[in-house]
């Protein structure tokens, strides 16, 4: 009986040790695959994943990188994404110009950060979506269609998301 207990304990121990080491090895392989894919994304003409942050920040926090990306700046993400759009636009490329009030509002096209406005982007014809946001402003989102070799301008006037005037009323003095 004690021999069966020792044998079963040894088997359980062996599976526990081998199982955890194989899980650890799998994690290393997956991490290497992710970081390798992100590192080669720019050279393989793939866009860096740059989705808008849900906060209102327009700084570096406004760009979220793919898992494992090493300190991708918003400028680098915008450059890579603009290059991706330009390469994939094809011979019948359309062009969109984005102008905003206020200037330098952050713009995303099809979920990819393309930089601060004003800017011009070459896109493949078809349906696209634009998102524009700036600090303390309501975001603007809309879909648009581009025909082959069409040039389109989108003017965006963002509105303040905070009240810009505060009125304070003090209680009036009462007459005695």
N, C-alpha and C. Protein backbone atom coordinates (compact mmCIF):
# COMPACT_ATOMS: atom_id res chain seq x y z
N UNK A 1 0.83 -1.18 0.00
CA UNK A 1 0.00 0.00 0.00
C UNK A 1 0.88 1.25 0.00
N UNK A 2 1.89 1.26 0.86
CA UNK A 2 2.80 2.39 0.90
C UNK A 2 3.57 2.50 -0.41
N UNK A 3 3.86 1.35 -1.03
CA UNK A 3 4.58 1.35 -2.31
C UNK A 3 3.72 1.98 -3.41
N UNK A 4 2.42 1.64 -3.44
CA UNK A 4 1.50 2.24 -4.42
C UNK A 4 1.40 3.75 -4.21
N UNK A 5 1.34 4.17 -2.94
CA UNK A 5 1.26 5.58 -2.64
C UNK A 5 2.51 6.31 -3.13
N UNK A 6 3.69 5.74 -2.89
CA UNK A 6 4.94 6.36 -3.35
C UNK A 6 5.01 6.40 -4.87
N UNK A 7 4.60 5.33 -5.53
CA UNK A 7 4.62 5.28 -7.00
C UNK A 7 3.67 6.32 -7.57
N UNK A 8 2.46 6.40 -7.03
CA UNK A 8 1.48 7.38 -7.51
C UNK A 8 1.96 8.81 -7.25
N UNK A 9 2.58 9.03 -6.11
CA UNK A 9 3.11 10.35 -5.79
C UNK A 9 4.22 10.73 -6.76
N UNK A 10 5.07 9.77 -7.09
CA UNK A 10 6.16 10.04 -8.03
C UNK A 10 5.60 10.38 -9.41
N UNK A 11 4.57 9.69 -9.84
CA UNK A 11 3.96 9.95 -11.15
C UNK A 11 3.34 11.34 -11.17
N UNK A 12 2.61 11.68 -10.10
CA UNK A 12 1.98 13.00 -10.02
C UNK A 12 3.05 14.09 -10.01
N UNK A 13 4.12 13.89 -9.26
CA UNK A 13 5.22 14.85 -9.19
C UNK A 13 5.87 15.03 -10.57
N UNK A 14 6.09 13.93 -11.28
CA UNK A 14 6.71 14.00 -12.60
C UNK A 14 5.82 14.77 -13.57
N UNK A 15 4.53 14.49 -13.56
CA UNK A 15 3.62 15.24 -14.43
C UNK A 15 3.58 16.72 -14.07
N UNK A 16 3.60 17.02 -12.78
CA UNK A 16 3.57 18.42 -12.35
C UNK A 16 4.81 19.16 -12.82
N UNK A 17 5.98 18.56 -12.67
CA UNK A 17 7.22 19.22 -13.08
C UNK A 17 7.29 19.34 -14.60
N UNK A 18 7.02 18.27 -15.31
CA UNK A 18 7.10 18.30 -16.77
C UNK A 18 6.00 19.18 -17.37
N UNK A 19 4.82 19.16 -16.77
CA UNK A 19 3.71 19.96 -17.27
C UNK A 19 4.00 21.45 -17.16
N UNK A 20 4.51 21.89 -16.01
CA UNK A 20 4.78 23.31 -15.84
C UNK A 20 5.92 23.77 -16.72
N UNK A 21 6.92 22.92 -16.91
CA UNK A 21 8.03 23.34 -17.76
C UNK A 21 7.59 23.43 -19.22
N UNK A 22 6.68 22.56 -19.65
CA UNK A 22 6.20 22.66 -21.03
C UNK A 22 5.31 23.88 -21.22
N UNK A 23 4.54 24.23 -20.19
CA UNK A 23 3.72 25.44 -20.27
C UNK A 23 4.62 26.66 -20.31
N UNK A 24 5.68 26.67 -19.51
CA UNK A 24 6.64 27.77 -19.51
C UNK A 24 7.30 27.89 -20.88
N UNK A 25 7.68 26.77 -21.46
CA UNK A 25 8.31 26.78 -22.78
C UNK A 25 7.33 27.30 -23.84
N UNK A 26 6.07 26.92 -23.74
CA UNK A 26 5.06 27.40 -24.68
C UNK A 26 4.92 28.92 -24.57
N UNK A 27 4.94 29.42 -23.36
CA UNK A 27 4.85 30.87 -23.15
C UNK A 27 6.02 31.59 -23.80
N UNK A 28 7.22 31.02 -23.67
CA UNK A 28 8.40 31.64 -24.28
C UNK A 28 8.28 31.66 -25.80
N UNK A 29 7.81 30.57 -26.38
CA UNK A 29 7.66 30.49 -27.83
C UNK A 29 6.63 31.50 -28.31
N UNK A 30 5.49 31.61 -27.61
CA UNK A 30 4.46 32.56 -28.02
C UNK A 30 4.94 34.00 -27.88
N UNK A 31 5.66 34.31 -26.80
CA UNK A 31 6.19 35.66 -26.62
C UNK A 31 7.17 36.00 -27.74
N UNK A 32 8.03 35.06 -28.07
CA UNK A 32 8.99 35.29 -29.15
C UNK A 32 8.29 35.49 -30.48
N UNK A 33 7.22 34.75 -30.72
CA UNK A 33 6.46 34.92 -31.96
C UNK A 33 5.80 36.28 -32.04
N UNK A 34 5.27 36.75 -30.91
CA UNK A 34 4.62 38.06 -30.91
C UNK A 34 5.63 39.16 -31.12
N UNK A 35 6.72 39.15 -30.37
CA UNK A 35 7.70 40.22 -30.50
C UNK A 35 8.38 40.18 -31.85
N UNK A 36 8.60 39.00 -32.39
CA UNK A 36 9.20 38.89 -33.72
C UNK A 36 8.28 39.44 -34.79
N UNK A 37 6.97 39.18 -34.65
CA UNK A 37 6.01 39.68 -35.63
C UNK A 37 5.91 41.19 -35.57
N UNK A 38 5.96 41.75 -34.36
CA UNK A 38 5.86 43.20 -34.23
C UNK A 38 7.14 43.86 -34.73
N UNK A 39 8.29 43.27 -34.43
CA UNK A 39 9.55 43.86 -34.86
C UNK A 39 9.66 43.88 -36.38
N UNK A 40 9.11 42.89 -37.04
CA UNK A 40 9.20 42.84 -38.49
C UNK A 40 8.03 43.49 -39.20
N UNK A 41 7.09 44.08 -38.45
CA UNK A 41 5.89 44.63 -39.06
C UNK A 41 6.19 45.77 -40.03
N UNK A 42 7.07 46.67 -39.65
CA UNK A 42 7.35 47.81 -40.52
C UNK A 42 8.06 47.37 -41.79
N UNK A 43 8.97 46.41 -41.68
CA UNK A 43 9.69 45.98 -42.86
C UNK A 43 8.83 45.10 -43.76
N UNK A 44 7.80 44.48 -43.22
CA UNK A 44 6.93 43.62 -44.01
C UNK A 44 5.73 44.38 -44.55
N UNK A 45 5.76 45.71 -44.46
CA UNK A 45 4.66 46.56 -44.93
C UNK A 45 3.35 46.26 -44.24
N UNK A 46 3.41 45.87 -43.00
CA UNK A 46 2.21 45.66 -42.21
C UNK A 46 2.09 46.85 -41.27
N UNK A 47 0.86 47.32 -41.00
CA UNK A 47 0.73 48.48 -40.14
C UNK A 47 0.99 48.10 -38.70
N UNK A 48 1.52 49.04 -37.95
CA UNK A 48 1.58 48.87 -36.51
C UNK A 48 0.16 49.03 -36.01
N UNK A 49 -0.23 48.24 -35.05
CA UNK A 49 -1.57 48.37 -34.53
C UNK A 49 -1.61 49.60 -33.66
N UNK A 50 -2.42 50.55 -34.04
CA UNK A 50 -2.50 51.79 -33.28
C UNK A 50 -3.95 52.18 -33.14
N UNK A 51 -4.54 51.79 -32.08
CA UNK A 51 -5.95 52.06 -31.84
C UNK A 51 -6.10 53.23 -30.89
N UNK A 52 -7.18 53.97 -31.01
CA UNK A 52 -7.37 55.09 -30.11
C UNK A 52 -7.56 54.63 -28.69
N UNK A 53 -6.94 55.37 -27.77
CA UNK A 53 -7.13 55.12 -26.36
C UNK A 53 -8.50 55.65 -25.97
N UNK A 54 -9.14 55.04 -24.99
CA UNK A 54 -10.47 55.50 -24.60
C UNK A 54 -10.43 56.79 -23.81
N UNK A 55 -9.26 57.18 -23.32
CA UNK A 55 -9.12 58.45 -22.61
C UNK A 55 -9.05 59.60 -23.58
N UNK A 56 -8.95 60.80 -23.09
CA UNK A 56 -8.89 61.96 -23.96
C UNK A 56 -7.48 62.45 -24.19
N UNK A 57 -6.51 61.67 -23.82
CA UNK A 57 -5.12 62.08 -23.99
C UNK A 57 -4.75 62.12 -25.46
N UNK A 58 -4.00 63.14 -25.84
CA UNK A 58 -3.53 63.22 -27.22
C UNK A 58 -2.03 62.98 -27.29
N UNK A 59 -1.43 62.65 -26.17
CA UNK A 59 0.01 62.43 -26.12
C UNK A 59 0.34 60.99 -26.43
N UNK A 60 1.50 60.51 -25.97
CA UNK A 60 1.93 59.15 -26.26
C UNK A 60 0.95 58.09 -25.79
N UNK A 61 0.16 58.38 -24.77
CA UNK A 61 -0.79 57.39 -24.28
C UNK A 61 -1.95 57.21 -25.25
N UNK A 62 -2.09 58.08 -26.23
CA UNK A 62 -3.18 57.97 -27.18
C UNK A 62 -2.97 56.84 -28.16
N UNK A 63 -1.81 56.25 -28.18
CA UNK A 63 -1.52 55.15 -29.08
C UNK A 63 -1.25 53.92 -28.24
N UNK A 64 -1.94 52.84 -28.56
CA UNK A 64 -1.63 51.60 -27.86
C UNK A 64 -1.02 50.64 -28.87
N UNK A 65 0.10 50.07 -28.52
CA UNK A 65 0.83 49.23 -29.45
C UNK A 65 0.38 47.78 -29.32
N UNK A 66 0.80 46.98 -30.25
CA UNK A 66 0.55 45.56 -30.20
C UNK A 66 1.30 44.97 -29.02
N UNK A 67 0.81 43.86 -28.45
CA UNK A 67 1.50 43.26 -27.32
C UNK A 67 2.96 42.97 -27.69
N UNK A 68 3.85 43.38 -26.83
CA UNK A 68 5.26 43.11 -27.04
C UNK A 68 5.98 44.19 -27.82
N UNK A 69 5.27 45.21 -28.32
CA UNK A 69 5.95 46.28 -29.06
C UNK A 69 6.79 47.09 -28.09
N UNK A 70 7.98 47.40 -28.48
CA UNK A 70 8.92 48.08 -27.59
C UNK A 70 8.90 49.59 -27.82
N UNK A 71 8.24 50.32 -26.96
CA UNK A 71 8.25 51.78 -26.95
C UNK A 71 8.04 52.40 -28.32
N UNK A 72 6.94 52.09 -28.97
CA UNK A 72 6.62 52.69 -30.26
C UNK A 72 6.04 54.07 -29.99
N UNK A 73 6.66 55.09 -30.56
CA UNK A 73 6.18 56.46 -30.38
C UNK A 73 5.00 56.72 -31.30
N UNK A 74 4.16 57.69 -30.96
CA UNK A 74 3.04 58.02 -31.85
C UNK A 74 3.52 58.42 -33.25
N UNK A 75 4.65 59.13 -33.31
CA UNK A 75 5.17 59.55 -34.61
C UNK A 75 5.58 58.35 -35.46
N UNK A 76 6.23 57.36 -34.83
CA UNK A 76 6.65 56.16 -35.56
C UNK A 76 5.44 55.36 -36.01
N UNK A 77 4.43 55.25 -35.15
CA UNK A 77 3.21 54.52 -35.53
C UNK A 77 2.51 55.21 -36.69
N UNK A 78 2.41 56.55 -36.63
CA UNK A 78 1.76 57.30 -37.70
C UNK A 78 2.51 57.13 -39.02
N UNK A 79 3.84 57.20 -38.97
CA UNK A 79 4.65 57.04 -40.18
C UNK A 79 4.46 55.66 -40.79
N UNK A 80 4.49 54.62 -39.95
CA UNK A 80 4.30 53.25 -40.44
C UNK A 80 2.90 53.05 -41.01
N UNK A 81 1.89 53.61 -40.35
CA UNK A 81 0.51 53.45 -40.82
C UNK A 81 0.27 54.23 -42.11
N UNK A 82 0.85 55.43 -42.24
CA UNK A 82 0.72 56.18 -43.49
C UNK A 82 1.40 55.44 -44.64
N UNK A 83 2.54 54.85 -44.36
CA UNK A 83 3.24 54.07 -45.38
C UNK A 83 2.40 52.85 -45.78
N UNK A 84 1.79 52.20 -44.81
CA UNK A 84 0.92 51.05 -45.10
C UNK A 84 -0.22 51.46 -46.03
N UNK A 85 -0.90 52.56 -45.69
CA UNK A 85 -2.00 53.02 -46.54
C UNK A 85 -1.51 53.37 -47.94
N UNK A 86 -0.37 54.04 -48.05
CA UNK A 86 0.17 54.45 -49.35
C UNK A 86 0.50 53.22 -50.20
N UNK A 87 1.14 52.21 -49.61
CA UNK A 87 1.51 51.01 -50.35
C UNK A 87 0.29 50.22 -50.81
N UNK A 88 -0.73 50.14 -49.94
CA UNK A 88 -1.91 49.34 -50.26
C UNK A 88 -2.99 50.12 -51.01
N UNK A 89 -2.73 51.38 -51.33
CA UNK A 89 -3.71 52.18 -52.05
C UNK A 89 -3.84 51.74 -53.51
N UNK A 90 -2.77 51.24 -54.08
CA UNK A 90 -2.81 50.74 -55.45
C UNK A 90 -2.77 51.85 -56.48
N UNK A 91 -2.88 51.47 -57.77
CA UNK A 91 -2.78 52.45 -58.85
C UNK A 91 -3.98 53.40 -58.93
N UNK A 92 -5.11 53.00 -58.37
CA UNK A 92 -6.30 53.87 -58.40
C UNK A 92 -6.48 54.59 -57.07
N UNK A 93 -5.38 54.93 -56.43
CA UNK A 93 -5.41 55.54 -55.09
C UNK A 93 -6.24 56.80 -55.05
N UNK A 94 -6.98 56.93 -53.97
CA UNK A 94 -7.73 58.15 -53.69
C UNK A 94 -6.96 58.90 -52.61
N UNK A 95 -7.34 60.14 -52.38
CA UNK A 95 -6.62 60.94 -51.40
C UNK A 95 -7.62 61.67 -50.53
N UNK A 96 -7.33 61.71 -49.24
CA UNK A 96 -8.19 62.44 -48.31
C UNK A 96 -7.34 63.44 -47.54
N UNK A 97 -7.85 64.66 -47.45
CA UNK A 97 -7.19 65.70 -46.66
C UNK A 97 -8.05 65.95 -45.43
N UNK A 98 -7.43 65.92 -44.27
CA UNK A 98 -8.15 66.13 -43.01
C UNK A 98 -7.66 67.43 -42.40
N UNK A 99 -8.60 68.34 -42.15
CA UNK A 99 -8.29 69.61 -41.50
C UNK A 99 -9.18 69.72 -40.27
N UNK A 100 -8.61 70.17 -39.17
CA UNK A 100 -9.37 70.25 -37.93
C UNK A 100 -9.26 71.61 -37.27
N UNK A 101 -10.26 71.93 -36.50
CA UNK A 101 -10.23 73.07 -35.59
C UNK A 101 -10.53 72.48 -34.23
N UNK A 102 -9.61 72.50 -33.30
CA UNK A 102 -8.28 73.11 -33.34
C UNK A 102 -7.30 72.27 -34.15
N UNK A 103 -6.22 72.92 -34.60
CA UNK A 103 -5.16 72.20 -35.31
C UNK A 103 -4.53 71.17 -34.38
N UNK A 104 -3.84 70.23 -34.97
CA UNK A 104 -3.07 69.20 -34.27
C UNK A 104 -3.94 68.20 -33.50
N UNK A 105 -5.21 68.08 -33.86
CA UNK A 105 -6.05 67.05 -33.27
C UNK A 105 -5.57 65.70 -33.82
N UNK A 106 -5.62 64.66 -33.01
CA UNK A 106 -5.15 63.34 -33.42
C UNK A 106 -6.19 62.66 -34.30
N UNK A 107 -5.71 62.02 -35.39
CA UNK A 107 -6.62 61.40 -36.35
C UNK A 107 -6.30 59.92 -36.52
N UNK A 108 -7.35 59.11 -36.65
CA UNK A 108 -7.25 57.68 -36.93
C UNK A 108 -8.10 57.40 -38.16
N UNK A 109 -7.59 56.59 -39.06
CA UNK A 109 -8.37 56.14 -40.21
C UNK A 109 -8.40 54.63 -40.15
N UNK A 110 -9.60 54.09 -40.21
CA UNK A 110 -9.82 52.65 -40.13
C UNK A 110 -9.14 52.05 -38.89
N UNK A 111 -9.16 52.78 -37.78
CA UNK A 111 -8.60 52.29 -36.53
C UNK A 111 -7.10 52.39 -36.41
N UNK A 112 -6.44 53.03 -37.37
CA UNK A 112 -4.98 53.16 -37.34
C UNK A 112 -4.61 54.62 -37.18
N UNK A 113 -3.74 54.92 -36.22
CA UNK A 113 -3.32 56.28 -35.96
C UNK A 113 -2.52 56.80 -37.15
N UNK A 114 -2.91 57.97 -37.67
CA UNK A 114 -2.22 58.54 -38.83
C UNK A 114 -1.56 59.88 -38.52
N UNK A 115 -1.71 60.39 -37.31
CA UNK A 115 -1.01 61.59 -36.91
C UNK A 115 -1.91 62.76 -36.62
N UNK A 116 -1.29 63.90 -36.32
CA UNK A 116 -2.07 65.11 -36.04
C UNK A 116 -2.48 65.81 -37.34
N UNK A 117 -3.64 66.43 -37.30
CA UNK A 117 -4.14 67.18 -38.46
C UNK A 117 -3.52 68.57 -38.46
N UNK A 118 -3.40 69.22 -39.59
CA UNK A 118 -3.86 68.82 -40.91
C UNK A 118 -2.93 67.78 -41.53
N UNK A 119 -3.52 66.88 -42.32
CA UNK A 119 -2.74 65.84 -42.98
C UNK A 119 -3.46 65.37 -44.22
N UNK A 120 -2.68 64.73 -45.10
CA UNK A 120 -3.21 64.15 -46.34
C UNK A 120 -2.80 62.69 -46.37
N UNK A 121 -3.77 61.81 -46.70
CA UNK A 121 -3.53 60.37 -46.70
C UNK A 121 -3.99 59.78 -48.02
N UNK A 122 -3.14 58.94 -48.63
CA UNK A 122 -3.54 58.19 -49.82
C UNK A 122 -4.18 56.89 -49.34
N UNK A 123 -5.38 56.58 -49.87
CA UNK A 123 -6.13 55.40 -49.45
C UNK A 123 -6.63 54.64 -50.67
N UNK A 124 -6.89 53.37 -50.47
CA UNK A 124 -7.53 52.57 -51.49
C UNK A 124 -8.99 53.02 -51.60
N UNK A 125 -9.55 52.98 -52.80
CA UNK A 125 -10.96 53.34 -52.93
C UNK A 125 -11.82 52.41 -52.09
N UNK A 126 -12.95 52.93 -51.63
CA UNK A 126 -13.87 52.13 -50.84
C UNK A 126 -14.35 52.88 -49.62
N UNK A 127 -14.93 52.12 -48.69
CA UNK A 127 -15.48 52.71 -47.47
C UNK A 127 -14.41 52.75 -46.38
N UNK A 128 -14.31 53.88 -45.70
CA UNK A 128 -13.34 54.06 -44.62
C UNK A 128 -14.03 54.77 -43.47
N UNK A 129 -13.36 54.79 -42.33
CA UNK A 129 -13.90 55.48 -41.16
C UNK A 129 -12.81 56.35 -40.56
N UNK A 130 -13.20 57.54 -40.13
CA UNK A 130 -12.26 58.47 -39.52
C UNK A 130 -12.70 58.78 -38.09
N UNK A 131 -11.72 58.90 -37.22
CA UNK A 131 -11.94 59.31 -35.83
C UNK A 131 -10.95 60.44 -35.55
N UNK A 132 -11.45 61.54 -35.02
CA UNK A 132 -10.61 62.68 -34.67
C UNK A 132 -10.90 63.03 -33.22
N UNK A 133 -9.82 63.22 -32.44
CA UNK A 133 -10.00 63.64 -31.05
C UNK A 133 -8.89 64.57 -30.62
N UNK A 134 -9.24 65.36 -29.63
CA UNK A 134 -8.29 66.31 -29.06
C UNK A 134 -8.62 66.46 -27.58
N UNK A 135 -7.68 66.93 -26.82
CA UNK A 135 -7.86 67.08 -25.38
C UNK A 135 -9.02 68.03 -25.09
N UNK A 136 -9.88 67.65 -24.17
CA UNK A 136 -11.02 68.45 -23.71
C UNK A 136 -12.02 68.78 -24.82
N UNK A 137 -12.08 67.94 -25.86
CA UNK A 137 -13.02 68.14 -26.96
C UNK A 137 -13.83 66.86 -27.18
N UNK A 138 -15.02 67.01 -27.72
CA UNK A 138 -15.82 65.84 -28.09
C UNK A 138 -15.17 65.20 -29.32
N UNK A 139 -15.12 63.88 -29.34
CA UNK A 139 -14.52 63.22 -30.50
C UNK A 139 -15.49 63.23 -31.67
N UNK A 140 -14.92 63.11 -32.86
CA UNK A 140 -15.68 63.12 -34.10
C UNK A 140 -15.41 61.81 -34.82
N UNK A 141 -16.47 61.11 -35.22
CA UNK A 141 -16.31 59.86 -35.95
C UNK A 141 -17.33 59.83 -37.07
N UNK A 142 -16.86 59.39 -38.23
CA UNK A 142 -17.79 59.29 -39.37
C UNK A 142 -17.20 58.36 -40.42
N UNK A 143 -18.07 57.74 -41.17
CA UNK A 143 -17.67 56.92 -42.29
C UNK A 143 -17.69 57.75 -43.56
N UNK A 144 -16.86 57.37 -44.53
CA UNK A 144 -16.85 58.07 -45.81
C UNK A 144 -16.46 57.08 -46.90
N UNK A 145 -16.90 57.38 -48.12
CA UNK A 145 -16.58 56.54 -49.27
C UNK A 145 -15.69 57.32 -50.22
N UNK A 146 -14.71 56.60 -50.78
CA UNK A 146 -13.80 57.20 -51.75
C UNK A 146 -13.90 56.43 -53.07
N UNK A 147 -14.02 57.16 -54.16
CA UNK A 147 -13.99 56.55 -55.49
C UNK A 147 -12.54 56.54 -55.98
N UNK A 148 -12.27 55.78 -57.01
CA UNK A 148 -10.91 55.70 -57.56
C UNK A 148 -10.42 57.08 -57.99
N UNK A 149 -9.21 57.41 -57.60
CA UNK A 149 -8.52 58.66 -57.94
C UNK A 149 -9.27 59.92 -57.50
N UNK A 150 -10.14 59.77 -56.51
CA UNK A 150 -10.91 60.90 -55.98
C UNK A 150 -10.09 61.60 -54.89
N UNK A 151 -10.25 62.92 -54.82
CA UNK A 151 -9.66 63.70 -53.73
C UNK A 151 -10.80 64.28 -52.92
N UNK A 152 -10.75 64.06 -51.61
CA UNK A 152 -11.83 64.51 -50.73
C UNK A 152 -11.22 65.24 -49.54
N UNK A 153 -11.91 66.26 -49.06
CA UNK A 153 -11.46 67.00 -47.89
C UNK A 153 -12.49 66.84 -46.79
N UNK A 154 -12.02 66.54 -45.60
CA UNK A 154 -12.90 66.47 -44.44
C UNK A 154 -12.47 67.57 -43.48
N UNK A 155 -13.38 68.51 -43.24
CA UNK A 155 -13.14 69.58 -42.28
C UNK A 155 -13.88 69.23 -41.00
N UNK A 156 -13.17 69.20 -39.89
CA UNK A 156 -13.75 68.82 -38.61
C UNK A 156 -13.59 69.97 -37.63
N UNK A 157 -14.70 70.45 -37.12
CA UNK A 157 -14.68 71.47 -36.07
C UNK A 157 -15.10 70.79 -34.77
N UNK A 158 -14.14 70.50 -33.92
CA UNK A 158 -14.43 69.84 -32.66
C UNK A 158 -15.05 70.83 -31.67
N UNK A 159 -15.94 70.34 -30.84
CA UNK A 159 -16.57 71.20 -29.83
C UNK A 159 -16.05 70.82 -28.45
N UNK A 160 -16.03 71.80 -27.58
CA UNK A 160 -15.50 71.58 -26.23
C UNK A 160 -16.37 70.58 -25.47
N UNK A 161 -15.71 69.71 -24.73
CA UNK A 161 -16.45 68.72 -23.94
C UNK A 161 -16.63 69.18 -22.50
N UNK A 162 -16.03 70.30 -22.17
CA UNK A 162 -16.18 70.85 -20.82
C UNK A 162 -16.82 72.22 -20.94
N UNK A 163 -17.52 72.59 -19.89
CA UNK A 163 -18.15 73.90 -19.89
C UNK A 163 -17.06 74.96 -19.78
N UNK A 164 -17.11 75.96 -20.64
CA UNK A 164 -16.06 76.96 -20.63
C UNK A 164 -16.40 78.21 -19.84
N UNK A 165 -17.56 78.22 -19.19
CA UNK A 165 -17.93 79.36 -18.38
C UNK A 165 -18.63 78.86 -17.13
N UNK A 166 -18.23 79.38 -15.99
CA UNK A 166 -18.83 78.99 -14.72
C UNK A 166 -19.46 80.22 -14.08
N UNK A 167 -20.69 80.10 -13.69
CA UNK A 167 -21.39 81.20 -13.03
C UNK A 167 -21.61 80.77 -11.58
N UNK A 168 -21.11 81.58 -10.65
CA UNK A 168 -21.28 81.29 -9.24
C UNK A 168 -22.23 82.32 -8.66
N UNK A 169 -23.29 81.86 -8.02
CA UNK A 169 -24.25 82.77 -7.40
C UNK A 169 -24.14 82.61 -5.89
N UNK A 170 -23.80 83.69 -5.25
CA UNK A 170 -23.72 83.68 -3.80
C UNK A 170 -25.09 83.99 -3.23
N UNK A 171 -25.39 83.46 -2.09
CA UNK A 171 -26.69 83.80 -1.51
C UNK A 171 -26.75 85.31 -1.21
N UNK A 172 -27.89 85.88 -1.53
CA UNK A 172 -28.06 87.32 -1.30
C UNK A 172 -28.17 87.58 0.20
N UNK A 173 -27.69 88.74 0.63
CA UNK A 173 -27.83 89.11 2.05
C UNK A 173 -29.28 89.46 2.31
N UNK A 174 -29.76 89.01 3.41
CA UNK A 174 -31.15 89.29 3.74
C UNK A 174 -31.24 90.59 4.52
N UNK A 175 -32.29 91.33 4.30
CA UNK A 175 -32.55 92.59 4.99
C UNK A 175 -33.13 92.30 6.35
N UNK A 176 -32.68 93.01 7.38
CA UNK A 176 -33.24 92.82 8.73
C UNK A 176 -34.12 93.94 9.11
